[in-house]
Amino acid sequence: VQLQASGGGLVQAGKSLRLSCAASGSIFSINAMDWYRQAPGKQRELVANSHSGGSTNYADSVKGRFTISRDNAKNTVYLQMNSLKPEDTAVYFCNAQISTNRVSFQGYWGQGTQVTVSS
């Protein structure tokens, strides 16, 4: 199983970016699909998560600005980031809870994509 993240880049404050993360491989089902971020010198933090049943949760710092969504047919999760701020600058990682054996789920990480917001 692999997770391939894309969509990062350099943008000015107030602009938008859309991240994508596609899971591939021998996948039976996917439960949660999440976005995390890690800024220089800081711990990795949860930005948003999306459960297979449709519920979503967001960190307080991004509520009202970021939207997580999924295309289950494509095993892909998106993060629409609007009104970006310099403090959103970080490497963004996707994580997915994936079952390959119809019995248990395991967490997989994508490779990370850099988001840089200039003031």
N, C-alpha and C. Protein backbone atom coordinates (compact mmCIF):
# COMPACT_ATOMS: atom_id res chain seq x y z
N VAL A 1 0.85 -1.19 0.00
CA VAL A 1 0.00 0.00 0.00
C VAL A 1 0.88 1.24 0.00
N GLN A 2 0.51 2.21 -0.82
CA GLN A 2 1.22 3.49 -0.86
C GLN A 2 0.23 4.63 -0.82
N LEU A 3 0.64 5.72 -0.17
CA LEU A 3 -0.12 6.97 -0.17
C LEU A 3 0.73 8.02 -0.88
N GLN A 4 0.17 8.64 -1.89
CA GLN A 4 0.87 9.65 -2.67
C GLN A 4 0.19 10.99 -2.49
N ALA A 5 0.90 11.90 -1.81
CA ALA A 5 0.35 13.24 -1.57
C ALA A 5 0.88 14.22 -2.61
N SER A 6 0.05 15.19 -2.95
CA SER A 6 0.45 16.21 -3.92
C SER A 6 -0.34 17.49 -3.68
N GLY A 7 0.09 18.57 -4.32
CA GLY A 7 -0.67 19.80 -4.28
C GLY A 7 -0.06 20.92 -3.47
N GLY A 8 1.04 20.66 -2.79
CA GLY A 8 1.67 21.71 -2.01
C GLY A 8 2.32 22.75 -2.90
N GLY A 9 2.79 23.82 -2.26
CA GLY A 9 3.45 24.87 -3.02
C GLY A 9 3.65 26.11 -2.20
N LEU A 10 4.05 27.18 -2.89
CA LEU A 10 4.28 28.48 -2.26
C LEU A 10 3.15 29.42 -2.68
N VAL A 11 2.46 29.99 -1.71
CA VAL A 11 1.36 30.91 -1.99
C VAL A 11 1.43 32.11 -1.06
N GLN A 12 0.78 33.17 -1.45
CA GLN A 12 0.68 34.35 -0.59
C GLN A 12 -0.43 34.17 0.43
N ALA A 13 -0.31 34.85 1.52
CA ALA A 13 -1.35 34.82 2.55
C ALA A 13 -2.68 35.25 1.95
N GLY A 14 -3.74 34.55 2.38
CA GLY A 14 -5.07 34.83 1.87
C GLY A 14 -5.48 33.99 0.67
N LYS A 15 -4.52 33.33 0.04
CA LYS A 15 -4.80 32.50 -1.12
C LYS A 15 -5.19 31.08 -0.70
N SER A 16 -5.42 30.23 -1.70
CA SER A 16 -5.89 28.86 -1.46
C SER A 16 -4.98 27.83 -2.10
N LEU A 17 -5.01 26.64 -1.53
CA LEU A 17 -4.36 25.47 -2.09
C LEU A 17 -5.24 24.26 -1.86
N ARG A 18 -5.11 23.27 -2.71
CA ARG A 18 -5.84 22.02 -2.53
C ARG A 18 -4.84 20.87 -2.56
N LEU A 19 -4.80 20.14 -1.46
CA LEU A 19 -3.95 18.96 -1.38
C LEU A 19 -4.74 17.71 -1.72
N SER A 20 -4.05 16.74 -2.31
CA SER A 20 -4.66 15.46 -2.62
C SER A 20 -3.77 14.34 -2.08
N CYS A 21 -4.38 13.24 -1.73
CA CYS A 21 -3.63 12.07 -1.28
C CYS A 21 -4.37 10.83 -1.76
N ALA A 22 -3.71 10.07 -2.61
CA ALA A 22 -4.32 8.89 -3.20
C ALA A 22 -3.66 7.62 -2.65
N ALA A 23 -4.49 6.69 -2.22
CA ALA A 23 -4.01 5.40 -1.73
C ALA A 23 -4.09 4.38 -2.85
N SER A 24 -3.05 3.55 -2.96
CA SER A 24 -3.03 2.53 -4.00
C SER A 24 -2.43 1.24 -3.43
N GLY A 25 -2.69 0.16 -4.13
CA GLY A 25 -2.18 -1.13 -3.67
C GLY A 25 -3.32 -2.09 -3.41
N SER A 26 -3.00 -3.11 -2.63
CA SER A 26 -3.99 -4.15 -2.34
C SER A 26 -4.87 -3.70 -1.16
N ILE A 27 -5.89 -2.93 -1.48
CA ILE A 27 -6.74 -2.31 -0.46
C ILE A 27 -8.10 -2.98 -0.44
N PHE A 28 -8.50 -3.45 0.76
CA PHE A 28 -9.84 -3.99 0.90
C PHE A 28 -10.81 -2.89 1.31
N SER A 29 -10.43 -2.12 2.32
CA SER A 29 -11.27 -1.00 2.73
C SER A 29 -10.43 0.03 3.47
N ILE A 30 -10.95 1.25 3.52
CA ILE A 30 -10.28 2.35 4.21
C ILE A 30 -11.24 2.92 5.24
N ASN A 31 -10.76 3.11 6.45
CA ASN A 31 -11.57 3.71 7.50
C ASN A 31 -11.27 5.21 7.53
N ALA A 32 -10.51 5.67 8.49
CA ALA A 32 -10.22 7.09 8.57
C ALA A 32 -9.14 7.51 7.57
N MET A 33 -9.28 8.71 7.05
CA MET A 33 -8.25 9.34 6.23
C MET A 33 -8.04 10.74 6.81
N ASP A 34 -6.81 11.05 7.16
CA ASP A 34 -6.50 12.26 7.91
C ASP A 34 -5.40 13.08 7.25
N TRP A 35 -5.36 14.34 7.62
CA TRP A 35 -4.25 15.23 7.27
C TRP A 35 -3.58 15.72 8.54
N TYR A 36 -2.27 15.63 8.56
CA TYR A 36 -1.45 16.15 9.64
C TYR A 36 -0.49 17.18 9.04
N ARG A 37 0.11 17.97 9.92
CA ARG A 37 1.17 18.87 9.45
C ARG A 37 2.25 18.99 10.52
N GLN A 38 3.43 19.31 10.04
CA GLN A 38 4.56 19.49 10.95
C GLN A 38 5.37 20.69 10.50
N ALA A 39 5.38 21.70 11.35
CA ALA A 39 6.17 22.90 11.09
C ALA A 39 7.57 22.71 11.66
N PRO A 40 8.55 23.45 11.16
CA PRO A 40 9.92 23.31 11.65
C PRO A 40 10.01 23.50 13.16
N GLY A 41 10.62 22.57 13.84
CA GLY A 41 10.81 22.66 15.28
C GLY A 41 9.58 22.33 16.10
N LYS A 42 8.52 21.88 15.45
CA LYS A 42 7.29 21.57 16.17
C LYS A 42 6.89 20.12 15.95
N GLN A 43 6.02 19.64 16.82
CA GLN A 43 5.52 18.28 16.69
C GLN A 43 4.47 18.20 15.59
N ARG A 44 4.33 17.02 15.05
CA ARG A 44 3.30 16.79 14.05
C ARG A 44 1.94 16.91 14.72
N GLU A 45 1.01 17.61 14.07
CA GLU A 45 -0.31 17.81 14.64
C GLU A 45 -1.39 17.42 13.65
N LEU A 46 -2.52 16.98 14.20
CA LEU A 46 -3.66 16.62 13.38
C LEU A 46 -4.36 17.89 12.90
N VAL A 47 -4.58 17.98 11.60
CA VAL A 47 -5.25 19.13 11.01
C VAL A 47 -6.74 18.83 10.79
N ALA A 48 -7.01 17.67 10.19
CA ALA A 48 -8.40 17.30 9.91
C ALA A 48 -8.48 15.80 9.73
N ASN A 49 -9.62 15.23 10.12
CA ASN A 49 -9.81 13.82 9.84
C ASN A 49 -11.20 13.56 9.28
N SER A 50 -11.28 12.45 8.55
CA SER A 50 -12.49 12.08 7.86
C SER A 50 -12.73 10.59 8.05
N HIS A 51 -13.86 10.25 8.65
CA HIS A 51 -14.18 8.85 8.86
C HIS A 51 -14.99 8.32 7.69
N SER A 52 -14.96 7.02 7.52
CA SER A 52 -15.64 6.42 6.38
C SER A 52 -17.14 6.67 6.41
N GLY A 53 -17.67 6.88 7.61
CA GLY A 53 -19.11 7.13 7.73
C GLY A 53 -19.50 8.54 7.34
N GLY A 54 -18.50 9.40 7.12
CA GLY A 54 -18.79 10.76 6.66
C GLY A 54 -18.49 11.85 7.66
N SER A 55 -18.26 11.51 8.92
CA SER A 55 -17.98 12.56 9.90
C SER A 55 -16.59 13.13 9.70
N THR A 56 -16.45 14.40 10.05
CA THR A 56 -15.16 15.09 9.93
C THR A 56 -14.87 15.88 11.20
N ASN A 57 -13.60 16.11 11.45
CA ASN A 57 -13.18 16.92 12.59
C ASN A 57 -11.99 17.78 12.17
N TYR A 58 -11.87 18.93 12.81
CA TYR A 58 -10.83 19.88 12.44
C TYR A 58 -10.13 20.43 13.68
N ALA A 59 -8.87 20.74 13.51
CA ALA A 59 -8.17 21.48 14.55
C ALA A 59 -8.78 22.88 14.64
N ASP A 60 -8.80 23.43 15.83
CA ASP A 60 -9.39 24.76 16.03
C ASP A 60 -8.74 25.80 15.13
N SER A 61 -7.46 25.65 14.88
CA SER A 61 -6.71 26.65 14.13
C SER A 61 -7.10 26.72 12.65
N VAL A 62 -7.80 25.69 12.15
CA VAL A 62 -8.15 25.68 10.73
C VAL A 62 -9.66 25.65 10.49
N LYS A 63 -10.43 25.59 11.55
CA LYS A 63 -11.89 25.54 11.39
C LYS A 63 -12.39 26.76 10.62
N GLY A 64 -13.27 26.50 9.68
CA GLY A 64 -13.82 27.59 8.87
C GLY A 64 -12.97 27.97 7.69
N ARG A 65 -11.74 27.46 7.62
CA ARG A 65 -10.84 27.78 6.50
C ARG A 65 -10.49 26.54 5.67
N PHE A 66 -10.35 25.39 6.33
CA PHE A 66 -9.97 24.16 5.65
C PHE A 66 -11.17 23.22 5.57
N THR A 67 -11.22 22.44 4.49
CA THR A 67 -12.27 21.45 4.32
C THR A 67 -11.66 20.14 3.84
N ILE A 68 -11.94 19.07 4.58
CA ILE A 68 -11.47 17.75 4.18
C ILE A 68 -12.62 17.03 3.47
N SER A 69 -12.27 16.32 2.41
CA SER A 69 -13.28 15.56 1.68
C SER A 69 -12.65 14.29 1.11
N ARG A 70 -13.50 13.36 0.70
CA ARG A 70 -13.01 12.08 0.20
C ARG A 70 -13.75 11.68 -1.06
N ASP A 71 -13.04 10.98 -1.92
CA ASP A 71 -13.63 10.27 -3.05
C ASP A 71 -13.33 8.80 -2.80
N ASN A 72 -14.27 8.10 -2.22
CA ASN A 72 -14.02 6.71 -1.83
C ASN A 72 -13.80 5.80 -3.04
N ALA A 73 -14.39 6.13 -4.16
CA ALA A 73 -14.19 5.32 -5.36
C ALA A 73 -12.75 5.40 -5.86
N LYS A 74 -12.09 6.52 -5.55
CA LYS A 74 -10.70 6.73 -5.98
C LYS A 74 -9.72 6.55 -4.83
N ASN A 75 -10.23 6.17 -3.65
CA ASN A 75 -9.35 6.04 -2.46
C ASN A 75 -8.51 7.29 -2.25
N THR A 76 -9.14 8.42 -2.38
CA THR A 76 -8.43 9.70 -2.33
C THR A 76 -9.06 10.63 -1.31
N VAL A 77 -8.21 11.33 -0.58
CA VAL A 77 -8.66 12.35 0.36
C VAL A 77 -8.08 13.69 -0.08
N TYR A 78 -8.87 14.73 0.10
CA TYR A 78 -8.48 16.09 -0.29
C TYR A 78 -8.48 17.01 0.93
N LEU A 79 -7.70 18.06 0.84
CA LEU A 79 -7.74 19.12 1.85
C LEU A 79 -7.77 20.45 1.11
N GLN A 80 -8.93 21.09 1.12
CA GLN A 80 -9.07 22.41 0.53
C GLN A 80 -8.70 23.43 1.59
N MET A 81 -7.69 24.22 1.31
CA MET A 81 -7.18 25.20 2.29
C MET A 81 -7.41 26.60 1.74
N ASN A 82 -8.28 27.34 2.40
CA ASN A 82 -8.59 28.71 1.99
C ASN A 82 -8.07 29.69 3.04
N SER A 83 -7.97 30.93 2.64
CA SER A 83 -7.53 32.00 3.55
C SER A 83 -6.26 31.60 4.29
N LEU A 84 -5.30 31.14 3.56
CA LEU A 84 -4.07 30.64 4.17
C LEU A 84 -3.32 31.73 4.90
N LYS A 85 -2.67 31.34 6.00
CA LYS A 85 -1.91 32.24 6.83
C LYS A 85 -0.45 31.76 6.89
N PRO A 86 0.47 32.65 7.18
CA PRO A 86 1.88 32.22 7.29
C PRO A 86 2.06 31.09 8.31
N GLU A 87 1.25 31.08 9.35
CA GLU A 87 1.38 30.03 10.36
C GLU A 87 0.89 28.67 9.88
N ASP A 88 0.31 28.62 8.68
CA ASP A 88 -0.06 27.33 8.09
C ASP A 88 1.13 26.67 7.40
N THR A 89 2.23 27.38 7.31
CA THR A 89 3.42 26.84 6.66
C THR A 89 3.91 25.59 7.40
N ALA A 90 4.03 24.50 6.66
CA ALA A 90 4.42 23.21 7.25
C ALA A 90 4.52 22.17 6.15
N VAL A 91 5.04 21.01 6.51
CA VAL A 91 4.93 19.84 5.65
C VAL A 91 3.63 19.14 6.03
N TYR A 92 2.81 18.88 5.05
CA TYR A 92 1.52 18.25 5.28
C TYR A 92 1.60 16.77 4.88
N PHE A 93 1.12 15.93 5.79
CA PHE A 93 1.14 14.48 5.61
C PHE A 93 -0.27 13.93 5.64
N CYS A 94 -0.54 12.95 4.80
CA CYS A 94 -1.80 12.23 4.90
C CYS A 94 -1.55 10.90 5.60
N ASN A 95 -2.59 10.45 6.27
CA ASN A 95 -2.56 9.17 6.96
C ASN A 95 -3.88 8.48 6.72
N ALA A 96 -3.83 7.17 6.51
CA ALA A 96 -5.06 6.43 6.28
C ALA A 96 -5.01 5.11 7.03
N GLN A 97 -6.16 4.75 7.59
CA GLN A 97 -6.32 3.45 8.24
C GLN A 97 -6.88 2.48 7.20
N ILE A 98 -6.04 1.54 6.78
CA ILE A 98 -6.36 0.69 5.64
C ILE A 98 -6.34 -0.79 6.02
N SER A 99 -7.33 -1.52 5.52
CA SER A 99 -7.37 -2.96 5.70
C SER A 99 -7.00 -3.63 4.38
N THR A 100 -6.04 -4.53 4.45
CA THR A 100 -5.65 -5.30 3.27
C THR A 100 -6.04 -6.77 3.40
N ASN A 101 -6.51 -7.14 4.58
CA ASN A 101 -6.76 -8.55 4.84
C ASN A 101 -8.17 -8.85 5.31
N ARG A 102 -9.05 -7.85 5.27
CA ARG A 102 -10.44 -8.01 5.68
C ARG A 102 -10.59 -8.30 7.17
N VAL A 103 -9.48 -8.17 7.91
CA VAL A 103 -9.54 -8.49 9.34
C VAL A 103 -9.18 -7.30 10.21
N SER A 104 -8.08 -6.64 9.88
CA SER A 104 -7.61 -5.56 10.73
C SER A 104 -7.19 -4.36 9.88
N PHE A 105 -7.06 -3.21 10.55
CA PHE A 105 -6.65 -1.97 9.90
C PHE A 105 -5.26 -1.58 10.38
N GLN A 106 -4.51 -0.96 9.48
CA GLN A 106 -3.18 -0.49 9.80
C GLN A 106 -3.02 0.92 9.26
N GLY A 107 -2.27 1.75 9.99
CA GLY A 107 -2.06 3.12 9.55
C GLY A 107 -0.91 3.23 8.56
N TYR A 108 -1.13 4.00 7.50
CA TYR A 108 -0.12 4.25 6.48
C TYR A 108 0.06 5.76 6.33
N TRP A 109 1.31 6.19 6.08
CA TRP A 109 1.62 7.60 5.91
C TRP A 109 2.02 7.88 4.46
N GLY A 110 1.62 9.06 3.99
CA GLY A 110 2.13 9.57 2.73
C GLY A 110 3.48 10.22 2.95
N GLN A 111 4.11 10.66 1.87
CA GLN A 111 5.47 11.17 1.94
C GLN A 111 5.57 12.62 2.36
N GLY A 112 4.47 13.33 2.43
CA GLY A 112 4.51 14.73 2.84
C GLY A 112 4.63 15.66 1.65
N THR A 113 3.96 16.79 1.76
CA THR A 113 4.04 17.82 0.73
C THR A 113 4.18 19.18 1.42
N GLN A 114 5.10 19.98 0.93
CA GLN A 114 5.43 21.26 1.58
C GLN A 114 4.43 22.34 1.19
N VAL A 115 3.92 23.01 2.19
CA VAL A 115 3.08 24.20 1.98
C VAL A 115 3.78 25.39 2.63
N THR A 116 4.02 26.41 1.84
CA THR A 116 4.67 27.62 2.35
C THR A 116 3.79 28.81 2.04
N VAL A 117 3.44 29.56 3.08
CA VAL A 117 2.58 30.73 2.92
C VAL A 117 3.39 31.97 3.26
N SER A 118 3.52 32.86 2.29
CA SER A 118 4.30 34.08 2.50
C SER A 118 3.37 35.22 2.94
N SER A 119 3.91 36.12 3.74
CA SER A 119 3.11 37.23 4.24
C SER A 119 3.14 38.42 3.30
